[in-house]
Amino acid sequence: MQIHVSGHHLQISDSLELYVKTKLLKLEHHFQNIINTVVILSVEKGRQKAETKVHISGGEIYAEAESKNLYKSIDLMIAKLDRQIIKLRDKKIGKRHLRN
């Protein structure tokens, strides 16, 4: 999986990029068909926002989260992505079992 992390009004440090990448790599435990991921971290007037697009085989998943702490925003975004990927995986598994 390719991961691209960028910042909007924010300089991305190596530790912040590593934090995002390690969190995103955990998503592959649920769904292995992730092609690439684009993460945009931004800061505006005290709001710290994390948003991402995950390109998977057959579609795209989008999630965003805001809070006063950037690390908390990243954690909330990852939790949303995790729920969406599990839901998608369960749908695909369900369709496979219906065909048989």
N, C-alpha and C. Protein backbone atom coordinates (compact mmCIF):
# COMPACT_ATOMS: atom_id res chain seq x y z
N MET A 1 0.85 -1.17 0.00
CA MET A 1 0.00 0.00 0.00
C MET A 1 0.90 1.23 0.00
N GLN A 2 0.58 2.16 -0.89
CA GLN A 2 1.30 3.43 -0.93
C GLN A 2 0.57 4.44 -0.06
N ILE A 3 1.32 5.20 0.73
CA ILE A 3 0.74 6.20 1.61
C ILE A 3 1.40 7.54 1.33
N HIS A 4 0.59 8.55 1.04
CA HIS A 4 1.10 9.89 0.78
C HIS A 4 0.50 10.83 1.83
N VAL A 5 1.36 11.47 2.62
CA VAL A 5 0.91 12.38 3.68
C VAL A 5 1.34 13.79 3.30
N SER A 6 0.38 14.72 3.31
CA SER A 6 0.71 16.12 3.02
C SER A 6 0.03 17.02 4.05
N GLY A 7 0.50 18.25 4.14
CA GLY A 7 -0.02 19.20 5.10
C GLY A 7 -0.54 20.45 4.42
N HIS A 8 -1.60 21.00 4.96
CA HIS A 8 -2.17 22.25 4.49
C HIS A 8 -2.03 23.25 5.63
N HIS A 9 -1.22 24.28 5.45
CA HIS A 9 -0.87 25.24 6.50
C HIS A 9 -0.18 24.54 7.66
N LEU A 10 0.62 23.51 7.34
CA LEU A 10 1.26 22.70 8.36
C LEU A 10 2.49 22.03 7.77
N GLN A 11 3.58 22.06 8.49
CA GLN A 11 4.79 21.34 8.08
C GLN A 11 4.72 19.94 8.69
N ILE A 12 4.81 18.92 7.87
CA ILE A 12 4.71 17.54 8.34
C ILE A 12 6.09 17.09 8.83
N SER A 13 6.17 16.76 10.11
CA SER A 13 7.42 16.25 10.67
C SER A 13 7.53 14.75 10.39
N ASP A 14 8.74 14.23 10.54
CA ASP A 14 8.95 12.80 10.30
C ASP A 14 8.18 11.96 11.30
N SER A 15 8.12 12.40 12.55
CA SER A 15 7.40 11.63 13.57
C SER A 15 5.90 11.61 13.30
N LEU A 16 5.36 12.72 12.83
CA LEU A 16 3.93 12.79 12.50
C LEU A 16 3.61 11.89 11.31
N GLU A 17 4.48 11.91 10.31
CA GLU A 17 4.27 11.06 9.14
C GLU A 17 4.37 9.58 9.51
N LEU A 18 5.33 9.24 10.36
CA LEU A 18 5.48 7.87 10.82
C LEU A 18 4.25 7.42 11.61
N TYR A 19 3.72 8.32 12.45
CA TYR A 19 2.52 8.01 13.24
C TYR A 19 1.34 7.68 12.33
N VAL A 20 1.13 8.51 11.30
CA VAL A 20 0.03 8.28 10.35
C VAL A 20 0.23 6.97 9.61
N LYS A 21 1.42 6.72 9.14
CA LYS A 21 1.68 5.50 8.36
C LYS A 21 1.51 4.24 9.19
N THR A 22 1.96 4.24 10.44
CA THR A 22 1.79 3.04 11.27
C THR A 22 0.31 2.78 11.56
N LYS A 23 -0.46 3.85 11.77
CA LYS A 23 -1.90 3.68 12.01
C LYS A 23 -2.60 3.14 10.76
N LEU A 24 -2.22 3.65 9.58
CA LEU A 24 -2.86 3.21 8.35
C LEU A 24 -2.49 1.78 7.98
N LEU A 25 -1.29 1.37 8.31
CA LEU A 25 -0.89 0.00 7.99
C LEU A 25 -1.71 -1.04 8.75
N LYS A 26 -2.28 -0.64 9.88
CA LYS A 26 -3.13 -1.55 10.64
C LYS A 26 -4.43 -1.87 9.90
N LEU A 27 -4.83 -1.01 8.96
CA LEU A 27 -6.05 -1.26 8.20
C LEU A 27 -5.92 -2.47 7.29
N GLU A 28 -4.69 -2.81 6.90
CA GLU A 28 -4.48 -3.96 6.03
C GLU A 28 -4.78 -5.28 6.72
N HIS A 29 -4.92 -5.28 8.05
CA HIS A 29 -5.29 -6.50 8.75
C HIS A 29 -6.72 -6.90 8.40
N HIS A 30 -7.56 -5.91 8.08
CA HIS A 30 -8.96 -6.17 7.78
C HIS A 30 -9.22 -6.36 6.29
N PHE A 31 -8.45 -5.67 5.46
CA PHE A 31 -8.73 -5.66 4.02
C PHE A 31 -7.41 -5.48 3.28
N GLN A 32 -6.98 -6.50 2.51
CA GLN A 32 -5.67 -6.46 1.88
C GLN A 32 -5.66 -5.76 0.52
N ASN A 33 -6.82 -5.44 -0.05
CA ASN A 33 -6.87 -4.88 -1.40
C ASN A 33 -6.81 -3.36 -1.41
N ILE A 34 -6.06 -2.76 -0.51
CA ILE A 34 -5.88 -1.31 -0.48
C ILE A 34 -4.75 -0.96 -1.43
N ILE A 35 -5.04 -0.08 -2.40
CA ILE A 35 -4.05 0.28 -3.41
C ILE A 35 -3.18 1.42 -2.91
N ASN A 36 -3.79 2.57 -2.61
CA ASN A 36 -3.03 3.69 -2.06
C ASN A 36 -3.91 4.56 -1.18
N THR A 37 -3.26 5.41 -0.43
CA THR A 37 -3.94 6.27 0.53
C THR A 37 -3.34 7.67 0.46
N VAL A 38 -4.21 8.68 0.43
CA VAL A 38 -3.78 10.07 0.44
C VAL A 38 -4.32 10.72 1.71
N VAL A 39 -3.42 11.25 2.54
CA VAL A 39 -3.81 11.86 3.81
C VAL A 39 -3.45 13.34 3.75
N ILE A 40 -4.40 14.20 4.13
CA ILE A 40 -4.16 15.64 4.21
C ILE A 40 -4.42 16.08 5.64
N LEU A 41 -3.41 16.65 6.26
CA LEU A 41 -3.52 17.18 7.61
C LEU A 41 -3.52 18.70 7.51
N SER A 42 -4.46 19.35 8.21
CA SER A 42 -4.54 20.80 8.12
C SER A 42 -4.85 21.42 9.48
N VAL A 43 -4.47 22.70 9.59
CA VAL A 43 -4.70 23.48 10.81
C VAL A 43 -5.32 24.79 10.39
N GLU A 44 -6.49 25.12 10.98
CA GLU A 44 -7.17 26.38 10.69
C GLU A 44 -7.84 26.89 11.96
N LYS A 45 -7.40 28.02 12.45
CA LYS A 45 -8.02 28.69 13.60
C LYS A 45 -8.25 27.76 14.79
N GLY A 46 -7.25 27.03 15.17
CA GLY A 46 -7.37 26.16 16.34
C GLY A 46 -7.99 24.81 16.06
N ARG A 47 -8.55 24.62 14.87
CA ARG A 47 -9.11 23.32 14.50
C ARG A 47 -8.03 22.52 13.78
N GLN A 48 -7.84 21.32 14.21
CA GLN A 48 -6.86 20.44 13.58
C GLN A 48 -7.64 19.34 12.88
N LYS A 49 -7.44 19.22 11.59
CA LYS A 49 -8.27 18.33 10.77
C LYS A 49 -7.40 17.30 10.06
N ALA A 50 -7.89 16.08 10.03
CA ALA A 50 -7.24 15.00 9.29
C ALA A 50 -8.27 14.41 8.34
N GLU A 51 -7.90 14.31 7.06
CA GLU A 51 -8.81 13.71 6.09
C GLU A 51 -8.02 12.79 5.18
N THR A 52 -8.68 11.76 4.68
CA THR A 52 -8.00 10.78 3.85
C THR A 52 -8.93 10.18 2.82
N LYS A 53 -8.34 9.79 1.70
CA LYS A 53 -9.01 9.01 0.66
C LYS A 53 -8.24 7.72 0.52
N VAL A 54 -8.95 6.62 0.62
CA VAL A 54 -8.33 5.31 0.48
C VAL A 54 -8.85 4.70 -0.81
N HIS A 55 -7.95 4.42 -1.74
CA HIS A 55 -8.31 3.80 -3.01
C HIS A 55 -8.16 2.29 -2.85
N ILE A 56 -9.27 1.60 -3.08
CA ILE A 56 -9.28 0.15 -2.97
C ILE A 56 -9.74 -0.42 -4.30
N SER A 57 -9.54 -1.71 -4.46
CA SER A 57 -10.00 -2.33 -5.70
C SER A 57 -11.53 -2.29 -5.70
N GLY A 58 -12.08 -1.59 -6.67
CA GLY A 58 -13.53 -1.49 -6.79
C GLY A 58 -14.12 -0.24 -6.19
N GLY A 59 -13.33 0.71 -5.71
CA GLY A 59 -13.94 1.90 -5.15
C GLY A 59 -12.98 2.79 -4.39
N GLU A 60 -13.58 3.65 -3.57
CA GLU A 60 -12.83 4.63 -2.81
C GLU A 60 -13.56 4.89 -1.49
N ILE A 61 -12.81 5.08 -0.43
CA ILE A 61 -13.38 5.36 0.88
C ILE A 61 -12.81 6.70 1.34
N TYR A 62 -13.67 7.54 1.93
CA TYR A 62 -13.26 8.86 2.41
C TYR A 62 -13.63 8.99 3.88
N ALA A 63 -12.73 9.58 4.65
CA ALA A 63 -13.02 9.85 6.06
C ALA A 63 -12.30 11.12 6.49
N GLU A 64 -12.92 11.85 7.41
CA GLU A 64 -12.27 13.03 7.97
C GLU A 64 -12.68 13.16 9.43
N ALA A 65 -11.84 13.87 10.18
CA ALA A 65 -12.12 14.10 11.60
C ALA A 65 -11.45 15.40 12.02
N GLU A 66 -12.08 16.09 12.97
CA GLU A 66 -11.57 17.36 13.50
C GLU A 66 -11.55 17.30 15.02
N SER A 67 -10.55 17.94 15.59
CA SER A 67 -10.49 18.13 17.04
C SER A 67 -9.46 19.22 17.32
N LYS A 68 -9.20 19.45 18.59
CA LYS A 68 -8.22 20.47 18.96
C LYS A 68 -6.80 19.91 18.96
N ASN A 69 -6.67 18.59 18.90
CA ASN A 69 -5.38 17.92 18.91
C ASN A 69 -5.24 17.13 17.61
N LEU A 70 -4.14 17.29 16.89
CA LEU A 70 -3.96 16.63 15.61
C LEU A 70 -3.87 15.12 15.75
N TYR A 71 -3.21 14.64 16.78
CA TYR A 71 -3.10 13.19 16.99
C TYR A 71 -4.47 12.58 17.28
N LYS A 72 -5.31 13.28 18.02
CA LYS A 72 -6.67 12.79 18.29
C LYS A 72 -7.47 12.77 16.99
N SER A 73 -7.30 13.78 16.15
CA SER A 73 -7.99 13.81 14.86
C SER A 73 -7.58 12.62 14.00
N ILE A 74 -6.30 12.30 14.01
CA ILE A 74 -5.81 11.16 13.23
C ILE A 74 -6.42 9.87 13.76
N ASP A 75 -6.47 9.72 15.08
CA ASP A 75 -7.05 8.51 15.68
C ASP A 75 -8.54 8.38 15.34
N LEU A 76 -9.27 9.50 15.40
CA LEU A 76 -10.70 9.46 15.06
C LEU A 76 -10.90 9.11 13.58
N MET A 77 -10.06 9.65 12.71
CA MET A 77 -10.15 9.37 11.28
C MET A 77 -9.87 7.89 11.02
N ILE A 78 -8.86 7.34 11.67
CA ILE A 78 -8.52 5.93 11.50
C ILE A 78 -9.66 5.04 11.99
N ALA A 79 -10.30 5.42 13.08
CA ALA A 79 -11.44 4.65 13.59
C ALA A 79 -12.58 4.64 12.58
N LYS A 80 -12.84 5.78 11.95
CA LYS A 80 -13.88 5.85 10.93
C LYS A 80 -13.53 4.98 9.73
N LEU A 81 -12.29 5.06 9.28
CA LEU A 81 -11.85 4.23 8.17
C LEU A 81 -11.96 2.75 8.51
N ASP A 82 -11.58 2.40 9.70
CA ASP A 82 -11.63 1.01 10.14
C ASP A 82 -13.05 0.47 10.07
N ARG A 83 -14.00 1.24 10.57
CA ARG A 83 -15.40 0.81 10.52
C ARG A 83 -15.88 0.66 9.09
N GLN A 84 -15.52 1.61 8.23
CA GLN A 84 -15.95 1.55 6.83
C GLN A 84 -15.34 0.35 6.10
N ILE A 85 -14.07 0.07 6.36
CA ILE A 85 -13.42 -1.05 5.69
C ILE A 85 -13.99 -2.38 6.16
N ILE A 86 -14.25 -2.50 7.44
CA ILE A 86 -14.87 -3.74 7.96
C ILE A 86 -16.25 -3.93 7.35
N LYS A 87 -17.01 -2.86 7.24
CA LYS A 87 -18.35 -2.94 6.63
C LYS A 87 -18.25 -3.36 5.17
N LEU A 88 -17.31 -2.78 4.44
CA LEU A 88 -17.12 -3.13 3.04
C LEU A 88 -16.68 -4.58 2.89
N ARG A 89 -15.75 -5.01 3.74
CA ARG A 89 -15.28 -6.39 3.69
C ARG A 89 -16.43 -7.37 3.96
N ASP A 90 -17.26 -7.05 4.95
CA ASP A 90 -18.38 -7.93 5.28
C ASP A 90 -19.39 -7.99 4.14
N LYS A 91 -19.59 -6.87 3.43
CA LYS A 91 -20.49 -6.88 2.27
C LYS A 91 -19.95 -7.78 1.18
N LYS A 92 -18.64 -7.68 0.91
CA LYS A 92 -18.04 -8.50 -0.14
C LYS A 92 -18.09 -9.96 0.24
N ILE A 93 -17.83 -10.29 1.50
CA ILE A 93 -17.89 -11.68 1.93
C ILE A 93 -19.32 -12.19 1.85
N GLY A 94 -20.29 -11.36 2.22
CA GLY A 94 -21.69 -11.75 2.16
C GLY A 94 -22.15 -12.03 0.74
N LYS A 95 -21.71 -11.22 -0.21
CA LYS A 95 -22.08 -11.44 -1.61
C LYS A 95 -21.46 -12.72 -2.14
N ARG A 96 -20.24 -13.02 -1.71
CA ARG A 96 -19.57 -14.24 -2.15
C ARG A 96 -20.31 -15.47 -1.65
N HIS A 97 -20.82 -15.42 -0.43
CA HIS A 97 -21.53 -16.57 0.12
C HIS A 97 -22.91 -16.72 -0.51
N LEU A 98 -23.51 -15.63 -0.97
CA LEU A 98 -24.81 -15.74 -1.60
C LEU A 98 -24.73 -16.41 -2.96
N ARG A 99 -23.62 -16.25 -3.65
CA ARG A 99 -23.47 -16.85 -4.98
C ARG A 99 -23.39 -18.36 -4.92
N ASN A 100 -22.81 -18.89 -3.88
CA ASN A 100 -22.60 -20.34 -3.79
C ASN A 100 -23.84 -21.08 -3.46
